[in-house]
Protein backbone atom coordinates (compact mmCIF):
# COMPACT_ATOMS: atom_id res chain seq x y z
CA MET A 1 -47.40 98.03 -1.82
CA ALA A 2 -46.72 95.34 -4.37
CA SER A 3 -49.53 93.31 -5.80
CA ILE A 4 -50.26 90.12 -3.92
CA HIS A 5 -50.03 88.30 -7.24
CA THR A 6 -46.75 86.84 -8.30
CA VAL A 7 -44.95 88.05 -11.42
CA THR A 8 -43.81 86.29 -14.56
CA GLU A 9 -40.24 86.09 -15.81
CA ALA A 10 -40.88 89.04 -18.14
CA GLN A 11 -41.90 91.23 -15.20
CA LEU A 12 -38.62 90.85 -13.32
CA PRO A 13 -36.10 93.68 -13.66
CA ALA A 14 -33.57 92.90 -16.42
CA ARG A 15 -30.57 93.04 -14.08
CA GLY A 16 -29.82 92.76 -10.38
CA ALA A 17 -29.45 90.10 -7.73
CA LEU A 18 -32.34 87.76 -7.05
CA ILE A 19 -33.10 85.89 -3.83
CA GLY A 20 -34.17 82.26 -4.16
CA LEU A 21 -36.27 80.65 -1.44
CA ASP A 22 -37.08 77.02 -0.68
CA VAL A 23 -39.99 77.34 1.74
CA GLY A 24 -40.51 74.32 3.96
CA THR A 25 -42.58 73.73 7.07
CA LYS A 26 -39.60 73.95 9.45
CA THR A 27 -37.04 75.97 7.47
CA VAL A 28 -36.59 78.40 4.61
CA GLY A 29 -33.53 77.81 2.46
CA VAL A 30 -32.07 81.00 1.00
CA ALA A 31 -29.82 81.51 -2.02
CA THR A 32 -28.79 84.60 -3.96
CA SER A 33 -27.49 85.42 -7.41
CA ASP A 34 -24.87 87.82 -8.59
CA PRO A 35 -26.21 91.06 -10.18
CA ASP A 36 -25.55 89.64 -13.67
CA ARG A 37 -27.57 86.52 -12.77
CA LYS A 38 -25.01 83.99 -13.89
CA LEU A 39 -24.56 82.05 -10.66
CA ALA A 40 -26.65 81.19 -7.62
CA THR A 41 -24.98 80.80 -4.24
CA ALA A 42 -26.35 79.26 -1.05
CA VAL A 43 -26.76 81.82 1.74
CA GLU A 44 -28.38 80.36 4.84
CA THR A 45 -31.17 78.29 6.32
CA ILE A 46 -33.75 80.17 8.35
CA LYS A 47 -35.44 78.18 11.11
CA ARG A 48 -39.16 78.94 10.76
CA LYS A 49 -40.81 80.73 13.65
CA ALA A 50 -43.75 82.92 12.69
CA PHE A 51 -44.31 84.32 9.20
CA ARG A 52 -43.50 87.90 10.26
CA ALA A 53 -40.13 86.86 11.76
CA ASP A 54 -39.31 84.68 8.75
CA ALA A 55 -40.21 87.47 6.32
CA THR A 56 -38.21 90.04 8.31
CA ARG A 57 -35.08 87.88 7.93
CA VAL A 58 -35.74 87.24 4.22
CA LEU A 59 -36.23 90.97 3.58
CA ALA A 60 -33.06 91.81 5.55
CA LEU A 61 -31.05 89.35 3.43
CA ALA A 62 -32.53 90.89 0.28
CA ALA A 63 -31.61 94.39 1.45
CA GLU A 64 -28.04 93.33 2.34
CA ARG A 65 -27.59 92.01 -1.20
CA ASN A 66 -29.42 94.83 -2.99
CA ALA A 67 -31.79 92.25 -4.44
CA VAL A 68 -34.33 93.29 -7.06
CA GLY A 69 -36.70 90.33 -6.72
CA PHE A 70 -37.52 86.94 -5.26
CA VAL A 71 -37.83 83.48 -6.79
CA ILE A 72 -39.82 81.13 -4.56
CA GLY A 73 -39.87 77.41 -5.22
CA LEU A 74 -43.30 75.99 -6.03
CA PRO A 75 -43.29 72.29 -5.08
CA LEU A 76 -45.80 70.92 -7.57
CA ASN A 77 -46.64 67.24 -7.65
CA MET A 78 -44.99 65.22 -10.42
CA ASP A 79 -48.21 65.39 -12.47
CA GLY A 80 -48.18 69.19 -12.22
CA SER A 81 -51.02 69.42 -9.71
CA SER A 82 -50.84 71.47 -6.52
CA GLY A 83 -50.80 69.86 -3.12
CA PRO A 84 -50.59 71.30 0.40
CA ARG A 85 -46.90 72.21 0.06
CA ALA A 86 -47.55 74.19 -3.14
CA GLN A 87 -50.46 75.98 -1.47
CA SER A 88 -48.20 76.84 1.47
CA SER A 89 -45.53 78.25 -0.88
CA ARG A 90 -48.15 80.32 -2.71
CA ALA A 91 -49.40 81.69 0.61
CA PHE A 92 -45.83 82.57 1.65
CA ALA A 93 -45.31 84.35 -1.70
CA ARG A 94 -48.59 86.31 -1.38
CA ASN A 95 -47.80 87.35 2.19
CA LEU A 96 -44.23 88.32 1.31
CA ALA A 97 -45.48 90.40 -1.64
CA ARG A 98 -47.63 92.38 0.80
CA LEU A 99 -44.49 93.43 2.69
CA THR A 100 -42.24 94.52 -0.18
CA GLU A 101 -42.20 96.41 -3.44
CA LEU A 102 -39.87 93.79 -4.93
CA PRO A 103 -41.42 91.37 -7.42
CA VAL A 104 -42.04 87.79 -6.31
CA MET A 105 -41.93 84.97 -8.86
CA LEU A 106 -42.92 81.34 -8.28
CA TRP A 107 -40.70 78.69 -9.88
CA ASP A 108 -41.55 75.02 -10.45
CA GLU A 109 -39.11 73.27 -8.15
CA ARG A 110 -39.97 69.62 -8.65
CA LEU A 111 -37.01 67.47 -7.60
CA SER A 112 -34.82 70.39 -6.46
CA THR A 113 -34.27 68.85 -3.02
CA VAL A 114 -33.45 65.48 -4.62
CA ALA A 115 -30.91 67.14 -6.93
CA ALA A 116 -29.39 69.09 -4.04
CA GLU A 117 -29.12 65.91 -1.94
CA ARG A 118 -27.37 64.06 -4.78
CA GLU A 119 -24.87 66.88 -5.22
CA LEU A 120 -24.05 66.98 -1.51
CA ILE A 121 -23.61 63.20 -1.42
CA ALA A 122 -21.32 63.45 -4.46
CA GLN A 123 -19.25 65.94 -2.45
CA ASP A 124 -18.91 63.23 0.21
CA MET A 125 -20.64 65.43 2.78
CA SER A 126 -21.66 63.76 6.04
CA ARG A 127 -25.35 63.15 6.71
CA ALA A 128 -25.32 65.67 9.59
CA ARG A 129 -23.71 68.37 7.43
CA ARG A 130 -26.14 67.64 4.56
CA ALA A 131 -29.07 68.06 6.94
CA ALA A 132 -27.73 71.46 7.99
CA VAL A 133 -27.41 72.81 4.43
CA ILE A 134 -29.92 70.87 2.29
CA ASP A 135 -32.56 73.62 2.29
CA GLN A 136 -30.19 76.37 1.19
CA HIS A 137 -28.84 74.07 -1.53
CA ALA A 138 -32.40 73.35 -2.67
CA ALA A 139 -32.89 77.15 -2.84
CA LEU A 140 -29.69 77.32 -4.90
CA PHE A 141 -31.08 74.73 -7.38
CA ILE A 142 -34.40 76.61 -7.58
CA LEU A 143 -32.68 79.93 -8.22
CA GLN A 144 -30.11 78.51 -10.67
CA GLY A 145 -32.93 76.92 -12.68
CA ALA A 146 -34.69 80.28 -12.88
CA LEU A 147 -31.43 82.06 -13.80
CA ASP A 148 -30.73 79.56 -16.59
CA ARG A 149 -34.26 80.00 -17.94
CA LEU A 150 -34.02 83.81 -17.77
CA ALA A 151 -30.67 83.71 -19.60
CA SER A 152 -32.06 81.49 -22.36
CA ALA A 153 -35.09 83.76 -22.77
CA SER A 154 -32.95 86.92 -22.86
CA PRO A 155 -32.70 88.60 -26.29
CA ASP A 156 -28.96 89.34 -25.96
């Protein structure tokens, strides 16, 4: 089994789709990247039940997309400290890592939901529709941020 510790950017495979997760108390937003890691795309919002059921769905989505790793949003406070939400995301990452060989990376996601909300408002999306997709769009922002960072750190 994989280590229960999360990996760094350098420990992710060089190529292959990644799954981005925005882990909340009621939902998990899911996004994926293309194998070349240029673009993140929103996938779905999982309604939280129990960890095992949530993880089973996340792992199924990863398998469907031949993913090679996970990027989980770490909701740090604005001063960089960890609060209850960050601790919950770390616990989700540790528990997920116990169930898969795929690497799990935590990504600072401060303001990702705010950015996603602004984008959806700019698209003139209704409040009801925004509520239905906000978590997967937050996952998209988390994953796209990681993809952009990985691309800028890449030696090619």
